[in-house]
Amino acid sequence: MSQLEFKEEILHRLQERDPRYDGRAYLLVLASLNHVMDGLTERRHISGRELAEGVRDIAIQRFGLMARAVLADWGMDCTEDVGRIVFALVECGVLVKQEEDRIEDFREVFDFREAFEDAYPWGAHLR
């Protein structure tokens, strides 16, 4: 099985498990994880808050003012959706969690309307 077939099989399983999330939402969360990890001075476990904030940063960089609409189209309306995606990735063996990790770590980290509209960082997506 090629890597592409493996990735497609995992995305298919994830979407069967929870069809409300588009496959691109899972890929965004993984890209955000890499973004957060790349910003660390040394490798360590990151918190739910850090990952949710990483999703916010990547979404703004990639989609600018359309970030909230794109994420909503992919089924993501709140930071708890980030947590549900993370835990689905854990269940599929893509990510590993620590004993103390909880879905509640992702609850109300920030409000999507506030982050992507009211407090939009003008010029952030132009970096």
N, C-alpha and C. Protein backbone atom coordinates (compact mmCIF):
# COMPACT_ATOMS: atom_id res chain seq x y z
N MET A 1 0.85 -1.18 0.00
CA MET A 1 0.00 0.00 0.00
C MET A 1 0.89 1.24 0.00
N SER A 2 0.63 2.16 -0.92
CA SER A 2 1.42 3.39 -0.99
C SER A 2 1.02 4.34 0.13
N GLN A 3 1.88 5.34 0.36
CA GLN A 3 1.57 6.33 1.40
C GLN A 3 0.28 7.07 1.08
N LEU A 4 0.07 7.38 -0.19
CA LEU A 4 -1.14 8.08 -0.59
C LEU A 4 -2.38 7.23 -0.31
N GLU A 5 -2.31 5.95 -0.64
CA GLU A 5 -3.44 5.05 -0.36
C GLU A 5 -3.69 4.95 1.15
N PHE A 6 -2.59 4.88 1.92
CA PHE A 6 -2.70 4.82 3.38
C PHE A 6 -3.39 6.07 3.92
N LYS A 7 -2.94 7.24 3.44
CA LYS A 7 -3.53 8.50 3.89
C LYS A 7 -5.00 8.58 3.51
N GLU A 8 -5.33 8.19 2.28
CA GLU A 8 -6.72 8.23 1.83
C GLU A 8 -7.57 7.26 2.65
N GLU A 9 -7.03 6.09 2.98
CA GLU A 9 -7.77 5.12 3.79
C GLU A 9 -8.06 5.68 5.18
N ILE A 10 -7.06 6.32 5.79
CA ILE A 10 -7.26 6.91 7.13
C ILE A 10 -8.29 8.03 7.06
N LEU A 11 -8.19 8.92 6.06
CA LEU A 11 -9.17 10.00 5.93
C LEU A 11 -10.57 9.43 5.72
N HIS A 12 -10.67 8.37 4.93
CA HIS A 12 -11.97 7.73 4.71
C HIS A 12 -12.53 7.19 6.03
N ARG A 13 -11.70 6.53 6.81
CA ARG A 13 -12.14 6.00 8.11
C ARG A 13 -12.56 7.12 9.05
N LEU A 14 -11.80 8.21 9.06
CA LEU A 14 -12.13 9.34 9.92
C LEU A 14 -13.48 9.95 9.53
N GLN A 15 -13.70 10.10 8.24
CA GLN A 15 -14.95 10.70 7.79
C GLN A 15 -16.13 9.75 7.99
N GLU A 16 -15.90 8.45 7.91
CA GLU A 16 -16.97 7.50 8.22
C GLU A 16 -17.34 7.59 9.70
N ARG A 17 -16.32 7.74 10.54
CA ARG A 17 -16.52 7.81 11.99
C ARG A 17 -17.31 9.06 12.37
N ASP A 18 -16.98 10.18 11.73
CA ASP A 18 -17.65 11.44 12.05
C ASP A 18 -17.76 12.27 10.77
N PRO A 19 -18.85 12.05 10.02
CA PRO A 19 -18.99 12.70 8.70
C PRO A 19 -19.19 14.21 8.73
N ARG A 20 -19.35 14.80 9.91
CA ARG A 20 -19.55 16.26 9.92
C ARG A 20 -18.26 17.01 9.56
N TYR A 21 -17.10 16.35 9.65
CA TYR A 21 -15.84 17.03 9.33
C TYR A 21 -15.32 16.63 7.96
N ASP A 22 -15.00 17.61 7.16
CA ASP A 22 -14.38 17.41 5.87
C ASP A 22 -12.96 16.89 6.09
N GLY A 23 -12.45 16.11 5.18
CA GLY A 23 -11.08 15.60 5.30
C GLY A 23 -10.05 16.70 5.45
N ARG A 24 -10.32 17.84 4.85
CA ARG A 24 -9.38 18.97 4.95
C ARG A 24 -9.28 19.51 6.36
N ALA A 25 -10.32 19.32 7.18
CA ALA A 25 -10.27 19.76 8.58
C ALA A 25 -9.22 18.96 9.34
N TYR A 26 -9.16 17.66 9.08
CA TYR A 26 -8.16 16.81 9.73
C TYR A 26 -6.76 17.23 9.29
N LEU A 27 -6.60 17.51 8.00
CA LEU A 27 -5.29 17.91 7.49
C LEU A 27 -4.87 19.26 8.07
N LEU A 28 -5.84 20.17 8.25
CA LEU A 28 -5.54 21.48 8.85
C LEU A 28 -5.06 21.32 10.28
N VAL A 29 -5.71 20.44 11.04
CA VAL A 29 -5.29 20.22 12.43
C VAL A 29 -3.87 19.65 12.46
N LEU A 30 -3.57 18.71 11.57
CA LEU A 30 -2.21 18.15 11.52
C LEU A 30 -1.19 19.21 11.11
N ALA A 31 -1.53 20.04 10.14
CA ALA A 31 -0.63 21.13 9.72
C ALA A 31 -0.43 22.11 10.87
N SER A 32 -1.48 22.37 11.62
CA SER A 32 -1.38 23.28 12.77
C SER A 32 -0.50 22.69 13.85
N LEU A 33 -0.59 21.39 14.07
CA LEU A 33 0.28 20.71 15.02
C LEU A 33 1.75 20.89 14.61
N ASN A 34 2.04 20.69 13.34
CA ASN A 34 3.41 20.90 12.86
C ASN A 34 3.85 22.34 13.04
N HIS A 35 2.94 23.28 12.77
CA HIS A 35 3.24 24.71 12.93
C HIS A 35 3.61 25.03 14.38
N VAL A 36 2.82 24.52 15.31
CA VAL A 36 3.09 24.77 16.73
C VAL A 36 4.41 24.12 17.13
N MET A 37 4.62 22.88 16.73
CA MET A 37 5.85 22.16 17.08
C MET A 37 7.08 22.86 16.50
N ASP A 38 6.96 23.38 15.28
CA ASP A 38 8.09 24.09 14.66
C ASP A 38 8.47 25.35 15.43
N GLY A 39 7.51 25.93 16.16
CA GLY A 39 7.77 27.15 16.91
C GLY A 39 8.37 26.91 18.29
N LEU A 40 8.50 25.66 18.68
CA LEU A 40 9.06 25.34 20.00
C LEU A 40 10.58 25.28 19.95
N THR A 41 11.22 25.63 21.05
CA THR A 41 12.68 25.54 21.10
C THR A 41 13.14 24.10 21.31
N GLU A 42 12.27 23.28 21.95
CA GLU A 42 12.57 21.86 22.10
C GLU A 42 11.26 21.08 22.00
N ARG A 43 11.34 19.84 21.53
CA ARG A 43 10.15 19.00 21.36
C ARG A 43 9.51 18.70 22.71
N ARG A 44 8.20 18.84 22.76
CA ARG A 44 7.44 18.51 23.96
C ARG A 44 5.99 18.33 23.57
N HIS A 45 5.23 17.81 24.49
CA HIS A 45 3.79 17.67 24.29
C HIS A 45 3.17 19.06 24.30
N ILE A 46 2.21 19.30 23.42
CA ILE A 46 1.55 20.60 23.42
C ILE A 46 0.13 20.45 23.97
N SER A 47 -0.37 21.52 24.53
CA SER A 47 -1.69 21.50 25.15
C SER A 47 -2.79 21.69 24.10
N GLY A 48 -4.01 21.40 24.53
CA GLY A 48 -5.16 21.64 23.67
C GLY A 48 -5.27 23.11 23.30
N ARG A 49 -5.02 23.98 24.26
CA ARG A 49 -5.06 25.43 24.00
C ARG A 49 -4.03 25.80 22.94
N GLU A 50 -2.82 25.29 23.06
CA GLU A 50 -1.78 25.63 22.08
C GLU A 50 -2.16 25.17 20.68
N LEU A 51 -2.72 23.97 20.59
CA LEU A 51 -3.10 23.46 19.28
C LEU A 51 -4.27 24.26 18.70
N ALA A 52 -5.27 24.56 19.51
CA ALA A 52 -6.41 25.36 19.03
C ALA A 52 -5.92 26.72 18.53
N GLU A 53 -5.00 27.33 19.26
CA GLU A 53 -4.45 28.62 18.83
C GLU A 53 -3.63 28.46 17.55
N GLY A 54 -2.97 27.33 17.40
CA GLY A 54 -2.25 27.04 16.16
C GLY A 54 -3.19 26.92 14.98
N VAL A 55 -4.34 26.29 15.19
CA VAL A 55 -5.36 26.19 14.13
C VAL A 55 -5.81 27.59 13.74
N ARG A 56 -6.05 28.43 14.74
CA ARG A 56 -6.46 29.82 14.46
C ARG A 56 -5.40 30.53 13.61
N ASP A 57 -4.15 30.42 14.00
CA ASP A 57 -3.07 31.10 13.28
C ASP A 57 -2.94 30.61 11.84
N ILE A 58 -2.97 29.30 11.65
CA ILE A 58 -2.83 28.74 10.30
C ILE A 58 -4.05 29.12 9.45
N ALA A 59 -5.24 29.05 10.03
CA ALA A 59 -6.45 29.41 9.28
C ALA A 59 -6.39 30.86 8.81
N ILE A 60 -5.95 31.75 9.68
CA ILE A 60 -5.83 33.16 9.30
C ILE A 60 -4.76 33.34 8.22
N GLN A 61 -3.63 32.66 8.37
CA GLN A 61 -2.57 32.77 7.37
C GLN A 61 -3.02 32.25 6.01
N ARG A 62 -3.72 31.12 6.02
CA ARG A 62 -4.10 30.49 4.75
C ARG A 62 -5.35 31.09 4.11
N PHE A 63 -6.32 31.49 4.93
CA PHE A 63 -7.62 31.86 4.39
C PHE A 63 -8.02 33.30 4.66
N GLY A 64 -7.23 34.02 5.44
CA GLY A 64 -7.51 35.42 5.70
C GLY A 64 -8.92 35.64 6.23
N LEU A 65 -9.60 36.63 5.68
CA LEU A 65 -10.94 36.98 6.14
C LEU A 65 -11.96 35.87 5.91
N MET A 66 -11.63 34.90 5.09
CA MET A 66 -12.54 33.78 4.81
C MET A 66 -12.34 32.62 5.79
N ALA A 67 -11.44 32.76 6.75
CA ALA A 67 -11.10 31.65 7.64
C ALA A 67 -12.33 31.05 8.33
N ARG A 68 -13.16 31.88 8.90
CA ARG A 68 -14.33 31.34 9.62
C ARG A 68 -15.26 30.60 8.67
N ALA A 69 -15.47 31.15 7.49
CA ALA A 69 -16.36 30.52 6.51
C ALA A 69 -15.78 29.19 6.02
N VAL A 70 -14.48 29.16 5.77
CA VAL A 70 -13.84 27.92 5.32
C VAL A 70 -13.95 26.86 6.40
N LEU A 71 -13.61 27.21 7.63
CA LEU A 71 -13.68 26.24 8.72
C LEU A 71 -15.12 25.75 8.92
N ALA A 72 -16.08 26.65 8.84
CA ALA A 72 -17.48 26.24 8.98
C ALA A 72 -17.88 25.28 7.86
N ASP A 73 -17.42 25.56 6.65
CA ASP A 73 -17.70 24.66 5.53
C ASP A 73 -17.12 23.27 5.77
N TRP A 74 -16.02 23.20 6.51
CA TRP A 74 -15.38 21.93 6.82
C TRP A 74 -15.94 21.30 8.10
N GLY A 75 -16.93 21.95 8.73
CA GLY A 75 -17.57 21.40 9.92
C GLY A 75 -17.02 21.92 11.23
N MET A 76 -16.13 22.89 11.18
CA MET A 76 -15.49 23.41 12.39
C MET A 76 -16.09 24.77 12.76
N ASP A 77 -16.80 24.80 13.90
CA ASP A 77 -17.45 26.03 14.33
C ASP A 77 -16.96 26.53 15.69
N CYS A 78 -16.17 25.72 16.38
CA CYS A 78 -15.68 26.10 17.71
C CYS A 78 -14.40 25.31 18.00
N THR A 79 -13.71 25.72 19.05
CA THR A 79 -12.45 25.04 19.38
C THR A 79 -12.67 23.61 19.84
N GLU A 80 -13.84 23.30 20.34
CA GLU A 80 -14.12 21.92 20.72
C GLU A 80 -14.11 21.00 19.50
N ASP A 81 -14.45 21.54 18.32
CA ASP A 81 -14.34 20.75 17.09
C ASP A 81 -12.88 20.34 16.84
N VAL A 82 -11.95 21.23 17.16
CA VAL A 82 -10.53 20.90 17.04
C VAL A 82 -10.23 19.69 17.94
N GLY A 83 -10.73 19.72 19.15
CA GLY A 83 -10.52 18.61 20.07
C GLY A 83 -11.13 17.31 19.58
N ARG A 84 -12.34 17.38 19.02
CA ARG A 84 -12.97 16.16 18.49
C ARG A 84 -12.13 15.57 17.35
N ILE A 85 -11.59 16.44 16.53
CA ILE A 85 -10.73 15.98 15.43
C ILE A 85 -9.46 15.36 15.99
N VAL A 86 -8.85 16.00 16.97
CA VAL A 86 -7.63 15.45 17.59
C VAL A 86 -7.90 14.07 18.16
N PHE A 87 -8.99 13.93 18.90
CA PHE A 87 -9.26 12.63 19.53
C PHE A 87 -9.63 11.57 18.50
N ALA A 88 -10.23 11.97 17.39
CA ALA A 88 -10.47 11.02 16.30
C ALA A 88 -9.14 10.56 15.70
N LEU A 89 -8.20 11.49 15.56
CA LEU A 89 -6.87 11.14 15.05
C LEU A 89 -6.13 10.22 16.02
N VAL A 90 -6.36 10.42 17.30
CA VAL A 90 -5.77 9.53 18.31
C VAL A 90 -6.37 8.13 18.17
N GLU A 91 -7.69 8.06 18.04
CA GLU A 91 -8.35 6.76 17.92
C GLU A 91 -7.93 6.00 16.67
N CYS A 92 -7.56 6.73 15.62
CA CYS A 92 -7.11 6.08 14.38
C CYS A 92 -5.60 5.78 14.41
N GLY A 93 -4.93 6.15 15.48
CA GLY A 93 -3.51 5.87 15.61
C GLY A 93 -2.59 6.85 14.92
N VAL A 94 -3.14 7.98 14.48
CA VAL A 94 -2.32 9.00 13.81
C VAL A 94 -1.58 9.85 14.84
N LEU A 95 -2.26 10.17 15.94
CA LEU A 95 -1.67 10.95 17.03
C LEU A 95 -1.67 10.13 18.31
N VAL A 96 -0.86 10.55 19.26
CA VAL A 96 -0.79 9.89 20.56
C VAL A 96 -1.14 10.93 21.62
N LYS A 97 -1.93 10.52 22.59
CA LYS A 97 -2.29 11.44 23.67
C LYS A 97 -1.61 11.01 24.96
N GLN A 98 -1.52 11.96 25.86
CA GLN A 98 -1.04 11.64 27.20
C GLN A 98 -2.23 11.38 28.10
N GLU A 99 -1.99 10.73 29.19
CA GLU A 99 -3.04 10.34 30.14
C GLU A 99 -3.92 11.53 30.55
N GLU A 100 -3.31 12.68 30.74
CA GLU A 100 -4.07 13.83 31.24
C GLU A 100 -4.82 14.60 30.15
N ASP A 101 -4.63 14.25 28.89
CA ASP A 101 -5.31 14.94 27.79
C ASP A 101 -6.81 14.65 27.81
N ARG A 102 -7.61 15.70 27.68
CA ARG A 102 -9.06 15.58 27.70
C ARG A 102 -9.66 16.45 26.59
N ILE A 103 -10.81 16.04 26.12
CA ILE A 103 -11.53 16.84 25.13
C ILE A 103 -11.86 18.22 25.70
N GLU A 104 -12.07 18.27 27.00
CA GLU A 104 -12.39 19.55 27.66
C GLU A 104 -11.25 20.57 27.54
N ASP A 105 -10.05 20.12 27.26
CA ASP A 105 -8.92 21.03 27.07
C ASP A 105 -9.15 21.98 25.89
N PHE A 106 -10.05 21.58 25.00
CA PHE A 106 -10.31 22.36 23.79
C PHE A 106 -11.57 23.22 23.91
N ARG A 107 -12.30 23.08 24.99
CA ARG A 107 -13.58 23.77 25.15
C ARG A 107 -13.36 25.26 25.38
N GLU A 108 -14.00 26.06 24.53
CA GLU A 108 -14.04 27.52 24.66
C GLU A 108 -12.66 28.16 24.82
N VAL A 109 -11.69 27.67 24.06
CA VAL A 109 -10.36 28.29 24.07
C VAL A 109 -10.48 29.71 23.53
N PHE A 110 -11.25 29.86 22.47
CA PHE A 110 -11.59 31.19 21.95
C PHE A 110 -12.87 31.05 21.15
N ASP A 111 -13.51 32.16 20.89
CA ASP A 111 -14.74 32.20 20.11
C ASP A 111 -14.37 32.43 18.64
N PHE A 112 -14.89 31.60 17.75
CA PHE A 112 -14.54 31.72 16.34
C PHE A 112 -14.94 33.07 15.76
N ARG A 113 -16.13 33.57 16.11
CA ARG A 113 -16.55 34.88 15.58
C ARG A 113 -15.58 35.96 16.02
N GLU A 114 -15.23 35.92 17.28
CA GLU A 114 -14.29 36.91 17.82
C GLU A 114 -12.93 36.80 17.14
N ALA A 115 -12.39 35.60 17.07
CA ALA A 115 -11.04 35.39 16.56
C ALA A 115 -10.92 35.68 15.06
N PHE A 116 -11.93 35.27 14.30
CA PHE A 116 -11.82 35.37 12.84
C PHE A 116 -12.52 36.58 12.25
N GLU A 117 -13.28 37.31 13.07
CA GLU A 117 -13.97 38.48 12.55
C GLU A 117 -13.69 39.71 13.39
N ASP A 118 -14.19 39.73 14.64
CA ASP A 118 -14.09 40.93 15.47
C ASP A 118 -12.65 41.33 15.77
N ALA A 119 -11.79 40.35 16.06
CA ALA A 119 -10.40 40.65 16.41
C ALA A 119 -9.45 40.27 15.28
N TYR A 120 -9.97 40.26 14.05
CA TYR A 120 -9.14 39.83 12.93
C TYR A 120 -7.85 40.66 12.85
N PRO A 121 -6.72 39.98 12.82
CA PRO A 121 -5.43 40.70 12.76
C PRO A 121 -5.10 41.15 11.34
N TRP A 122 -5.54 42.32 10.99
CA TRP A 122 -5.36 42.81 9.62
C TRP A 122 -3.90 42.69 9.20
N GLY A 123 -3.68 42.11 8.05
CA GLY A 123 -2.33 41.95 7.51
C GLY A 123 -1.66 40.65 7.92
N ALA A 124 -2.24 39.89 8.84
CA ALA A 124 -1.59 38.66 9.33
C ALA A 124 -1.43 37.64 8.23
N HIS A 125 -2.39 37.56 7.32
CA HIS A 125 -2.33 36.55 6.26
C HIS A 125 -1.37 36.96 5.14
N LEU A 126 -0.81 38.15 5.23
CA LEU A 126 0.12 38.63 4.20
C LEU A 126 1.58 38.33 4.52
N ARG A 127 1.82 37.72 5.67
CA ARG A 127 3.20 37.44 6.09
C ARG A 127 3.88 36.51 5.14
